[in-house]
Amino acid sequence: MNTRPGLQSGFMRQCRVLPALCLLAAAPAFAQGTGQTPQRAEKPRAKKVWTEDDLVALRTSSDLYVIEQQRKAAQEQAAREAEQAAIKAAEAERKKQGLPAAKLPATPPTTPVPTRREDIQKRIDELRKTVADLESRLRIAEDADYQAREDQHAEIAARRADLQEQLDRARADLQNMEEKLRAL
């Protein structure tokens, strides 16, 4: 056996200190390696910015039809408003001049009744197109009424009533023309 007690305790001390020094030396390198993530070479993806042109490309034929019907309805509404504004302006001008208010005809003036068979047939074709157009507009107004907000129902109901009145007149004119054609 070893007779020197200091030698054994010195060796044991070195065995305990050496691993501790290795761990201390490796700790900063290990901490640097785990603390930082490697930089990515790829760039972050740009987000898609949607423009009006992109949305137009996504529209279906039914979307285009609805947009067209809304555009037509808006044009008709603008025309009615312009007509009403012109009537009000004319009434204001008449009042300003001290003239009595003008009486508007209850029904729009009708075109003279044709007498020749070809003219009657042409008028019947026109009236059929008018009836079909008014029926289509009435269906669109009914759909709009179904989808409208509560505060819009009164306005749409008035428009539907106007369309129904026009449709009834056009149907009556068509029936009269057909009877006249049969009489010839």
Protein backbone atom coordinates (compact mmCIF):
# COMPACT_ATOMS: atom_id res chain seq x y z
CA MET A 1 0.00 0.00 0.00
CA ASN A 2 0.78 3.49 -0.40
CA THR A 3 2.29 4.93 2.66
CA ARG A 4 1.87 8.48 1.68
CA PRO A 5 -1.57 9.68 2.68
CA GLY A 6 -1.16 13.08 0.95
CA LEU A 7 -0.53 11.45 -2.38
CA GLN A 8 -3.80 9.62 -2.37
CA SER A 9 -5.78 12.66 -1.26
CA GLY A 10 -3.99 14.86 -3.86
CA PHE A 11 -4.76 12.39 -6.62
CA MET A 12 -8.38 12.16 -5.52
CA ARG A 13 -8.58 15.87 -5.39
CA GLN A 14 -7.29 16.10 -8.97
CA CYS A 15 -9.83 13.50 -10.10
CA ARG A 16 -12.62 15.56 -8.69
CA VAL A 17 -11.36 18.93 -9.91
CA LEU A 18 -10.54 17.82 -13.48
CA PRO A 19 -14.13 16.91 -14.49
CA ALA A 20 -15.41 20.05 -12.84
CA LEU A 21 -12.95 22.16 -14.86
CA CYS A 22 -13.97 20.38 -18.07
CA LEU A 23 -17.61 21.09 -17.37
CA LEU A 24 -16.87 24.74 -16.63
CA ALA A 25 -14.83 25.09 -19.78
CA ALA A 26 -17.52 23.48 -21.94
CA ALA A 27 -20.46 25.35 -20.34
CA PRO A 28 -19.93 28.72 -22.14
CA ALA A 29 -19.57 26.99 -25.52
CA PHE A 30 -22.67 24.89 -24.89
CA ALA A 31 -24.63 27.93 -23.72
CA GLN A 32 -23.69 29.87 -26.87
CA GLY A 33 -24.70 26.98 -29.10
CA THR A 34 -28.17 26.51 -27.57
CA GLY A 35 -28.97 30.15 -26.90
CA GLN A 36 -28.81 31.24 -30.53
CA THR A 37 -30.75 29.71 -33.36
CA PRO A 38 -29.12 29.60 -36.75
CA GLN A 39 -30.23 32.33 -39.14
CA ARG A 40 -32.70 31.14 -41.76
CA ALA A 41 -31.61 31.60 -45.29
CA GLU A 42 -35.17 31.99 -46.63
CA LYS A 43 -37.04 35.32 -46.57
CA PRO A 44 -40.35 35.69 -44.80
CA ARG A 45 -43.26 35.21 -47.21
CA ALA A 46 -45.04 38.34 -48.29
CA LYS A 47 -48.75 38.49 -47.56
CA LYS A 48 -51.14 38.66 -50.51
CA VAL A 49 -52.71 42.08 -50.86
CA TRP A 50 -56.09 41.76 -52.59
CA THR A 51 -57.05 44.50 -54.99
CA GLU A 52 -60.33 45.24 -56.71
CA ASP A 53 -58.97 43.62 -59.88
CA ASP A 54 -58.33 40.37 -57.99
CA LEU A 55 -61.89 40.37 -56.68
CA VAL A 56 -63.32 40.91 -60.16
CA ALA A 57 -61.50 37.80 -61.33
CA LEU A 58 -63.16 35.74 -58.57
CA ARG A 59 -66.72 36.68 -59.52
CA THR A 60 -69.03 34.05 -60.97
CA SER A 61 -71.65 34.59 -63.63
CA SER A 62 -74.38 34.75 -60.98
CA ASP A 63 -72.41 37.45 -59.14
CA LEU A 64 -72.13 39.41 -62.38
CA TYR A 65 -75.87 39.03 -63.00
CA VAL A 66 -76.72 40.34 -59.53
CA ILE A 67 -74.33 43.26 -59.96
CA GLU A 68 -75.87 44.09 -63.33
CA GLN A 69 -79.38 44.00 -61.87
CA GLN A 70 -78.29 46.24 -59.00
CA ARG A 71 -76.72 48.65 -61.48
CA LYS A 72 -79.93 48.74 -63.54
CA ALA A 73 -82.03 49.28 -60.43
CA ALA A 74 -79.72 52.10 -59.34
CA GLN A 75 -79.97 53.73 -62.78
CA GLU A 76 -83.76 53.44 -62.74
CA GLN A 77 -83.88 54.92 -59.25
CA ALA A 78 -81.60 57.76 -60.32
CA ALA A 79 -83.83 58.41 -63.35
CA ARG A 80 -86.95 58.47 -61.15
CA GLU A 81 -85.27 60.82 -58.70
CA ALA A 82 -84.14 63.09 -61.53
CA GLU A 83 -87.67 63.12 -62.95
CA GLN A 84 -89.12 63.95 -59.54
CA ALA A 85 -86.53 66.70 -59.06
CA ALA A 86 -87.42 68.16 -62.47
CA ILE A 87 -91.12 68.11 -61.61
CA LYS A 88 -90.49 69.80 -58.27
CA ALA A 89 -88.27 72.39 -59.94
CA ALA A 90 -90.97 73.10 -62.53
CA GLU A 91 -93.61 73.41 -59.80
CA ALA A 92 -91.36 75.75 -57.83
CA GLU A 93 -90.82 77.86 -60.95
CA ARG A 94 -94.58 78.02 -61.60
CA LYS A 95 -95.21 79.05 -58.01
CA LYS A 96 -92.48 81.66 -58.29
CA GLN A 97 -94.19 83.12 -61.35
CA GLY A 98 -97.57 83.01 -59.61
CA LEU A 99 -99.06 80.41 -61.96
CA PRO A 100 -101.31 77.60 -60.72
CA ALA A 101 -99.78 74.19 -60.28
CA ALA A 102 -99.75 72.08 -63.41
CA LYS A 103 -101.97 69.03 -63.47
CA LEU A 104 -100.16 65.90 -64.42
CA PRO A 105 -101.99 63.27 -66.41
CA ALA A 106 -103.13 60.30 -64.31
CA THR A 107 -101.87 57.84 -66.90
CA PRO A 108 -99.01 58.27 -69.30
CA PRO A 109 -100.05 59.30 -72.81
CA THR A 110 -100.70 56.32 -75.01
CA THR A 111 -99.44 55.94 -78.52
CA PRO A 112 -102.01 56.02 -81.30
CA VAL A 113 -103.62 52.67 -82.01
CA PRO A 114 -102.23 51.20 -85.22
CA THR A 115 -104.69 50.21 -87.95
CA ARG A 116 -102.61 48.00 -90.25
CA ARG A 117 -102.14 44.31 -89.43
CA GLU A 118 -98.30 44.56 -89.59
CA ASP A 119 -98.29 47.57 -87.25
CA ILE A 120 -100.61 45.83 -84.81
CA GLN A 121 -98.40 42.71 -84.81
CA LYS A 122 -95.31 44.86 -84.25
CA ARG A 123 -97.04 46.61 -81.33
CA ILE A 124 -98.08 43.22 -79.88
CA ASP A 125 -94.45 42.03 -80.02
CA GLU A 126 -93.31 45.21 -78.27
CA LEU A 127 -95.97 44.79 -75.60
CA ARG A 128 -94.97 41.16 -75.00
CA LYS A 129 -91.37 42.25 -74.48
CA THR A 130 -92.55 45.00 -72.14
CA VAL A 131 -94.68 42.54 -70.15
CA ALA A 132 -91.76 40.09 -69.88
CA ASP A 133 -89.44 42.89 -68.78
CA LEU A 134 -91.89 44.16 -66.17
CA GLU A 135 -92.45 40.63 -64.84
CA SER A 136 -88.69 40.18 -64.52
CA ARG A 137 -88.31 43.53 -62.75
CA LEU A 138 -91.17 42.65 -60.42
CA ARG A 139 -89.49 39.32 -59.50
CA ILE A 140 -86.23 41.17 -58.83
CA ALA A 141 -88.08 43.67 -56.62
CA GLU A 142 -89.71 40.79 -54.72
CA ASP A 143 -86.31 39.18 -54.20
CA ALA A 144 -84.90 42.53 -53.06
CA ASP A 145 -87.80 42.91 -50.62
CA TYR A 146 -87.09 39.46 -49.22
CA GLN A 147 -83.41 40.30 -48.67
CA ALA A 148 -83.88 43.93 -47.59
CA ARG A 149 -83.46 45.41 -44.17
CA GLU A 150 -86.57 46.31 -42.20
CA ASP A 151 -86.28 50.04 -42.96
CA GLN A 152 -86.18 49.41 -46.73
CA HIS A 153 -89.42 47.41 -47.00
CA ALA A 154 -91.70 50.44 -47.44
CA GLU A 155 -89.66 51.85 -50.32
CA ILE A 156 -89.46 48.48 -52.05
CA ALA A 157 -93.19 47.88 -51.55
CA ALA A 158 -93.93 51.20 -53.26
CA ARG A 159 -91.65 50.25 -56.14
CA ARG A 160 -93.33 46.85 -56.41
CA ALA A 161 -96.78 48.48 -56.46
CA ASP A 162 -95.64 50.83 -59.25
CA LEU A 163 -94.25 47.92 -61.25
CA GLN A 164 -97.44 45.92 -60.72
CA GLU A 165 -99.52 48.85 -61.97
CA GLN A 166 -97.34 49.20 -65.06
CA LEU A 167 -97.55 45.47 -65.64
CA ASP A 168 -101.36 45.48 -65.39
CA ARG A 169 -101.59 48.35 -67.90
CA ALA A 170 -99.20 46.61 -70.29
CA ARG A 171 -101.19 43.37 -70.07
CA ALA A 172 -104.45 45.24 -70.72
CA ASP A 173 -102.87 46.99 -73.75
CA LEU A 174 -101.61 43.64 -75.01
CA GLN A 175 -105.04 42.07 -74.66
CA ASN A 176 -106.65 45.00 -76.52
CA MET A 177 -104.12 44.73 -79.34
CA GLU A 178 -104.68 40.98 -79.65
CA GLU A 179 -108.44 41.52 -79.81
CA LYS A 180 -107.98 44.21 -82.45
CA LEU A 181 -105.78 41.85 -84.50
CA ARG A 182 -108.42 39.11 -84.29
CA ALA A 183 -111.10 41.57 -85.40
CA LEU A 184 -109.18 42.40 -88.58
